[in-house]
Amino acid sequence: MATNKRVFTLRLSDEVFDKIGILATNEHRSLTNYIEYVLIRHLEEVEKEQGEIKTEE
C-alpha cells in the first residue's frame, strides 16, 4: 500500500543519534519510528496548550 509521506534529512551529531537510538530501543521502536513518535507527541502537546495549528490542507 502506498503512503503519502514527506522525507527529510536530520543533521545531528553521532552522539545525539546514539542517544536517540538508546531511547528507541528502550521503547522497542526503530530510530525513525521513535523520532516520528516524539515529534507527533510534541505537536499534540503544543496544540493542547495553544490550540490547533492550521495548515492549508
PDB file of N, CA and C in Angstrom:
ATOM      1  N   MET A   1       0.843  -1.173   0.000  1.00  0.00           N
ATOM      2  CA  MET A   1       0.000   0.000   0.000  1.00  0.00           C
ATOM      3  C   MET A   1       0.894   1.243   0.000  1.00  0.00           C
ATOM      4  N   ALA A   2       0.639   2.165  -0.873  1.00  0.00           N
ATOM      5  CA  ALA A   2       1.430   3.383  -0.972  1.00  0.00           C
ATOM      6  C   ALA A   2       1.013   4.372   0.112  1.00  0.00           C
ATOM      7  N   THR A   3       1.989   5.116   0.597  1.00  0.00           N
ATOM      8  CA  THR A   3       1.704   6.166   1.572  1.00  0.00           C
ATOM      9  C   THR A   3       2.180   7.490   1.023  1.00  0.00           C
ATOM     10  N   ASN A   4       1.599   8.549   1.523  1.00  0.00           N
ATOM     11  CA  ASN A   4       1.972   9.881   1.093  1.00  0.00           C
ATOM     12  C   ASN A   4       2.675  10.569   2.260  1.00  0.00           C
ATOM     13  N   LYS A   5       3.968  10.328   2.408  1.00  0.00           N
ATOM     14  CA  LYS A   5       4.743  10.917   3.495  1.00  0.00           C
ATOM     15  C   LYS A   5       5.950  11.642   2.922  1.00  0.00           C
ATOM     16  N   ARG A   6       6.259  12.762   3.520  1.00  0.00           N
ATOM     17  CA  ARG A   6       7.452  13.503   3.129  1.00  0.00           C
ATOM     18  C   ARG A   6       8.648  12.956   3.887  1.00  0.00           C
ATOM     19  N   VAL A   7       9.810  13.108   3.287  1.00  0.00           N
ATOM     20  CA  VAL A   7      11.051  12.642   3.893  1.00  0.00           C
ATOM     21  C   VAL A   7      12.001  13.823   3.986  1.00  0.00           C
ATOM     22  N   PHE A   8      12.735  13.903   5.096  1.00  0.00           N
ATOM     23  CA  PHE A   8      13.736  14.948   5.226  1.00  0.00           C
ATOM     24  C   PHE A   8      14.947  14.408   5.971  1.00  0.00           C
ATOM     25  N   THR A   9      16.039  15.135   5.870  1.00  0.00           N
ATOM     26  CA  THR A   9      17.292  14.717   6.483  1.00  0.00           C
ATOM     27  C   THR A   9      17.489  15.445   7.803  1.00  0.00           C
ATOM     28  N   LEU A  10      17.947  14.729   8.800  1.00  0.00           N
ATOM     29  CA  LEU A  10      18.319  15.339  10.074  1.00  0.00           C
ATOM     30  C   LEU A  10      19.842  15.445  10.125  1.00  0.00           C
ATOM     31  N   ARG A  11      20.331  16.591  10.509  1.00  0.00           N
ATOM     32  CA  ARG A  11      21.770  16.770  10.666  1.00  0.00           C
ATOM     33  C   ARG A  11      22.071  16.855  12.152  1.00  0.00           C
ATOM     34  N   LEU A  12      22.290  15.707  12.735  1.00  0.00           N
ATOM     35  CA  LEU A  12      22.573  15.605  14.162  1.00  0.00           C
ATOM     36  C   LEU A  12      23.917  14.915  14.360  1.00  0.00           C
ATOM     37  N   SER A  13      24.540  15.198  15.476  1.00  0.00           N
ATOM     38  CA  SER A  13      25.823  14.554  15.769  1.00  0.00           C
ATOM     39  C   SER A  13      25.624  13.065  16.031  1.00  0.00           C
ATOM     40  N   ASP A  14      26.691  12.303  15.908  1.00  0.00           N
ATOM     41  CA  ASP A  14      26.633  10.870  16.198  1.00  0.00           C
ATOM     42  C   ASP A  14      26.174  10.626  17.636  1.00  0.00           C
ATOM     43  N   GLU A  15      26.614  11.485  18.554  1.00  0.00           N
ATOM     44  CA  GLU A  15      26.236  11.328  19.955  1.00  0.00           C
ATOM     45  C   GLU A  15      24.726  11.448  20.134  1.00  0.00           C
ATOM     46  N   VAL A  16      24.119  12.423  19.462  1.00  0.00           N
ATOM     47  CA  VAL A  16      22.674  12.609  19.570  1.00  0.00           C
ATOM     48  C   VAL A  16      21.945  11.418  18.956  1.00  0.00           C
ATOM     49  N   PHE A  17      22.400  10.959  17.771  1.00  0.00           N
ATOM     50  CA  PHE A  17      21.786   9.778  17.158  1.00  0.00           C
ATOM     51  C   PHE A  17      21.900   8.560  18.078  1.00  0.00           C
ATOM     52  N   ASP A  18      23.056   8.399  18.711  1.00  0.00           N
ATOM     53  CA  ASP A  18      23.243   7.268  19.622  1.00  0.00           C
ATOM     54  C   ASP A  18      22.282   7.345  20.803  1.00  0.00           C
ATOM     55  N   LYS A  19      22.110   8.545  21.353  1.00  0.00           N
ATOM     56  CA  LYS A  19      21.186   8.706  22.484  1.00  0.00           C
ATOM     57  C   LYS A  19      19.747   8.424  22.067  1.00  0.00           C
ATOM     58  N   ILE A  20      19.353   8.935  20.893  1.00  0.00           N
ATOM     59  CA  ILE A  20      18.011   8.659  20.391  1.00  0.00           C
ATOM     60  C   ILE A  20      17.844   7.159  20.148  1.00  0.00           C
ATOM     61  N   GLY A  21      18.887   6.518  19.643  1.00  0.00           N
ATOM     62  CA  GLY A  21      18.855   5.078  19.416  1.00  0.00           C
ATOM     63  C   GLY A  21      18.630   4.299  20.699  1.00  0.00           C
ATOM     64  N   ILE A  22      19.253   4.732  21.767  1.00  0.00           N
ATOM     65  CA  ILE A  22      19.070   4.064  23.066  1.00  0.00           C
ATOM     66  C   ILE A  22      17.624   4.212  23.531  1.00  0.00           C
ATOM     67  N   LEU A  23      17.080   5.436  23.415  1.00  0.00           N
ATOM     68  CA  LEU A  23      15.688   5.655  23.811  1.00  0.00           C
ATOM     69  C   LEU A  23      14.736   4.838  22.945  1.00  0.00           C
ATOM     70  N   ALA A  24      15.021   4.779  21.648  1.00  0.00           N
ATOM     71  CA  ALA A  24      14.175   3.996  20.738  1.00  0.00           C
ATOM     72  C   ALA A  24      14.197   2.522  21.111  1.00  0.00           C
ATOM     73  N   THR A  25      15.365   2.008  21.402  1.00  0.00           N
ATOM     74  CA  THR A  25      15.493   0.604  21.792  1.00  0.00           C
ATOM     75  C   THR A  25      14.715   0.332  23.073  1.00  0.00           C
ATOM     76  N   ASN A  26      14.794   1.251  24.030  1.00  0.00           N
ATOM     77  CA  ASN A  26      14.051   1.088  25.285  1.00  0.00           C
ATOM     78  C   ASN A  26      12.547   1.054  25.056  1.00  0.00           C
ATOM     79  N   GLU A  27      12.074   1.735  24.015  1.00  0.00           N
ATOM     80  CA  GLU A  27      10.653   1.765  23.673  1.00  0.00           C
ATOM     81  C   GLU A  27      10.281   0.694  22.645  1.00  0.00           C
ATOM     82  N   HIS A  28      11.248  -0.137  22.263  1.00  0.00           N
ATOM     83  CA  HIS A  28      11.051  -1.198  21.269  1.00  0.00           C
ATOM     84  C   HIS A  28      10.557  -0.617  19.931  1.00  0.00           C
ATOM     85  N   ARG A  29      11.200   0.476  19.512  1.00  0.00           N
ATOM     86  CA  ARG A  29      10.854   1.141  18.255  1.00  0.00           C
ATOM     87  C   ARG A  29      12.117   1.297  17.416  1.00  0.00           C
ATOM     88  N   SER A  30      11.919   1.477  16.115  1.00  0.00           N
ATOM     89  CA  SER A  30      13.058   1.813  15.261  1.00  0.00           C
ATOM     90  C   SER A  30      13.417   3.275  15.516  1.00  0.00           C
ATOM     91  N   LEU A  31      14.596   3.662  15.112  1.00  0.00           N
ATOM     92  CA  LEU A  31      15.038   5.042  15.283  1.00  0.00           C
ATOM     93  C   LEU A  31      14.071   5.998  14.580  1.00  0.00           C
ATOM     94  N   THR A  32      13.733   5.702  13.343  1.00  0.00           N
ATOM     95  CA  THR A  32      12.823   6.554  12.577  1.00  0.00           C
ATOM     96  C   THR A  32      11.451   6.620  13.229  1.00  0.00           C
ATOM     97  N   ASN A  33      10.925   5.490  13.630  1.00  0.00           N
ATOM     98  CA  ASN A  33       9.608   5.456  14.259  1.00  0.00           C
ATOM     99  C   ASN A  33       9.615   6.235  15.569  1.00  0.00           C
ATOM    100  N   TYR A  34      10.693   6.140  16.327  1.00  0.00           N
ATOM    101  CA  TYR A  34      10.776   6.865  17.603  1.00  0.00           C
ATOM    102  C   TYR A  34      10.805   8.369  17.376  1.00  0.00           C
ATOM    103  N   ILE A  35      11.564   8.831  16.388  1.00  0.00           N
ATOM    104  CA  ILE A  35      11.618  10.260  16.077  1.00  0.00           C
ATOM    105  C   ILE A  35      10.240  10.758  15.653  1.00  0.00           C
ATOM    106  N   GLU A  36       9.542   9.992  14.803  1.00  0.00           N
ATOM    107  CA  GLU A  36       8.179  10.351  14.400  1.00  0.00           C
ATOM    108  C   GLU A  36       7.265  10.431  15.619  1.00  0.00           C
ATOM    109  N   TYR A  37       7.354   9.446  16.503  1.00  0.00           N
ATOM    110  CA  TYR A  37       6.533   9.389  17.712  1.00  0.00           C
ATOM    111  C   TYR A  37       6.759  10.616  18.590  1.00  0.00           C
ATOM    112  N   VAL A  38       8.015  10.981  18.803  1.00  0.00           N
ATOM    113  CA  VAL A  38       8.339  12.122  19.659  1.00  0.00           C
ATOM    114  C   VAL A  38       7.823  13.425  19.044  1.00  0.00           C
ATOM    115  N   LEU A  39       7.998  13.595  17.743  1.00  0.00           N
ATOM    116  CA  LEU A  39       7.524  14.814  17.086  1.00  0.00           C
ATOM    117  C   LEU A  39       6.003  14.925  17.127  1.00  0.00           C
ATOM    118  N   ILE A  40       5.313  13.837  16.861  1.00  0.00           N
ATOM    119  CA  ILE A  40       3.850  13.847  16.903  1.00  0.00           C
ATOM    120  C   ILE A  40       3.354  14.139  18.316  1.00  0.00           C
ATOM    121  N   ARG A  41       3.987  13.522  19.302  1.00  0.00           N
ATOM    122  CA  ARG A  41       3.603  13.763  20.698  1.00  0.00           C
ATOM    123  C   ARG A  41       3.812  15.233  21.071  1.00  0.00           C
ATOM    124  N   HIS A  42       4.918  15.814  20.613  1.00  0.00           N
ATOM    125  CA  HIS A  42       5.192  17.220  20.896  1.00  0.00           C
ATOM    126  C   HIS A  42       4.137  18.120  20.242  1.00  0.00           C
ATOM    127  N   LEU A  43       3.793  17.832  18.975  1.00  0.00           N
ATOM    128  CA  LEU A  43       2.750  18.610  18.298  1.00  0.00           C
ATOM    129  C   LEU A  43       1.433  18.547  19.064  1.00  0.00           C
ATOM    130  N   GLU A  44       1.081  17.368  19.550  1.00  0.00           N
ATOM    131  CA  GLU A  44      -0.154  17.215  20.314  1.00  0.00           C
ATOM    132  C   GLU A  44      -0.122  18.061  21.583  1.00  0.00           C
ATOM    133  N   GLU A  45       1.027  18.091  22.267  1.00  0.00           N
ATOM    134  CA  GLU A  45       1.167  18.882  23.488  1.00  0.00           C
ATOM    135  C   GLU A  45       1.040  20.375  23.198  1.00  0.00           C
ATOM    136  N   VAL A  46       1.679  20.838  22.127  1.00  0.00           N
ATOM    137  CA  VAL A  46       1.613  22.252  21.756  1.00  0.00           C
ATOM    138  C   VAL A  46       0.188  22.638  21.408  1.00  0.00           C
ATOM    139  N   GLU A  47      -0.482  21.795  20.608  1.00  0.00           N
ATOM    140  CA  GLU A  47      -1.860  22.100  20.232  1.00  0.00           C
ATOM    141  C   GLU A  47      -2.805  22.069  21.436  1.00  0.00           C
ATOM    142  N   LYS A  48      -2.517  21.225  22.390  1.00  0.00           N
ATOM    143  CA  LYS A  48      -3.339  21.180  23.600  1.00  0.00           C
ATOM    144  C   LYS A  48      -3.212  22.492  24.375  1.00  0.00           C
ATOM    145  N   GLU A  49      -2.001  23.056  24.407  1.00  0.00           N
ATOM    146  CA  GLU A  49      -1.746  24.294  25.134  1.00  0.00           C
ATOM    147  C   GLU A  49      -2.160  25.533  24.343  1.00  0.00           C
ATOM    148  N   GLN A  50      -1.920  25.533  23.038  1.00  0.00           N
ATOM    149  CA  GLN A  50      -2.062  26.751  22.240  1.00  0.00           C
ATOM    150  C   GLN A  50      -3.185  26.693  21.215  1.00  0.00           C
ATOM    151  N   GLY A  51      -3.811  25.564  21.059  1.00  0.00           N
ATOM    152  CA  GLY A  51      -4.860  25.421  20.063  1.00  0.00           C
ATOM    153  C   GLY A  51      -4.304  24.791  18.782  1.00  0.00           C
ATOM    154  N   GLU A  52      -5.235  24.404  17.929  1.00  0.00           N
ATOM    155  CA  GLU A  52      -4.873  23.702  16.704  1.00  0.00           C
ATOM    156  C   GLU A  52      -3.972  24.563  15.814  1.00  0.00           C
ATOM    157  N   ILE A  53      -2.969  23.918  15.250  1.00  0.00           N
ATOM    158  CA  ILE A  53      -2.091  24.567  14.282  1.00  0.00           C
ATOM    159  C   ILE A  53      -2.744  24.380  12.920  1.00  0.00           C
ATOM    160  N   LYS A  54      -3.095  25.471  12.279  1.00  0.00           N
ATOM    161  CA  LYS A  54      -3.795  25.415  10.999  1.00  0.00           C
ATOM    162  C   LYS A  54      -2.799  25.175   9.849  1.00  0.00           C
ATOM    163  N   THR A  55      -3.156  24.245   8.974  1.00  0.00           N
ATOM    164  CA  THR A  55      -2.389  24.018   7.757  1.00  0.00           C
ATOM    165  C   THR A  55      -3.290  24.348   6.573  1.00  0.00           C
ATOM    166  N   GLU A  56      -2.726  24.419   5.403  1.00  0.00           N
ATOM    167  CA  GLU A  56      -3.506  24.799   4.229  1.00  0.00           C
ATOM    168  C   GLU A  56      -4.203  23.615   3.565  1.00  0.00           C
ATOM    169  N   GLU A  57      -4.112  22.438   4.145  1.00  0.00           N
ATOM    170  CA  GLU A  57      -4.738  21.253   3.555  1.00  0.00           C
ATOM    171  C   GLU A  57      -6.212  21.206   3.843  1.00  0.00           C
TER     172      GLU A  57
END
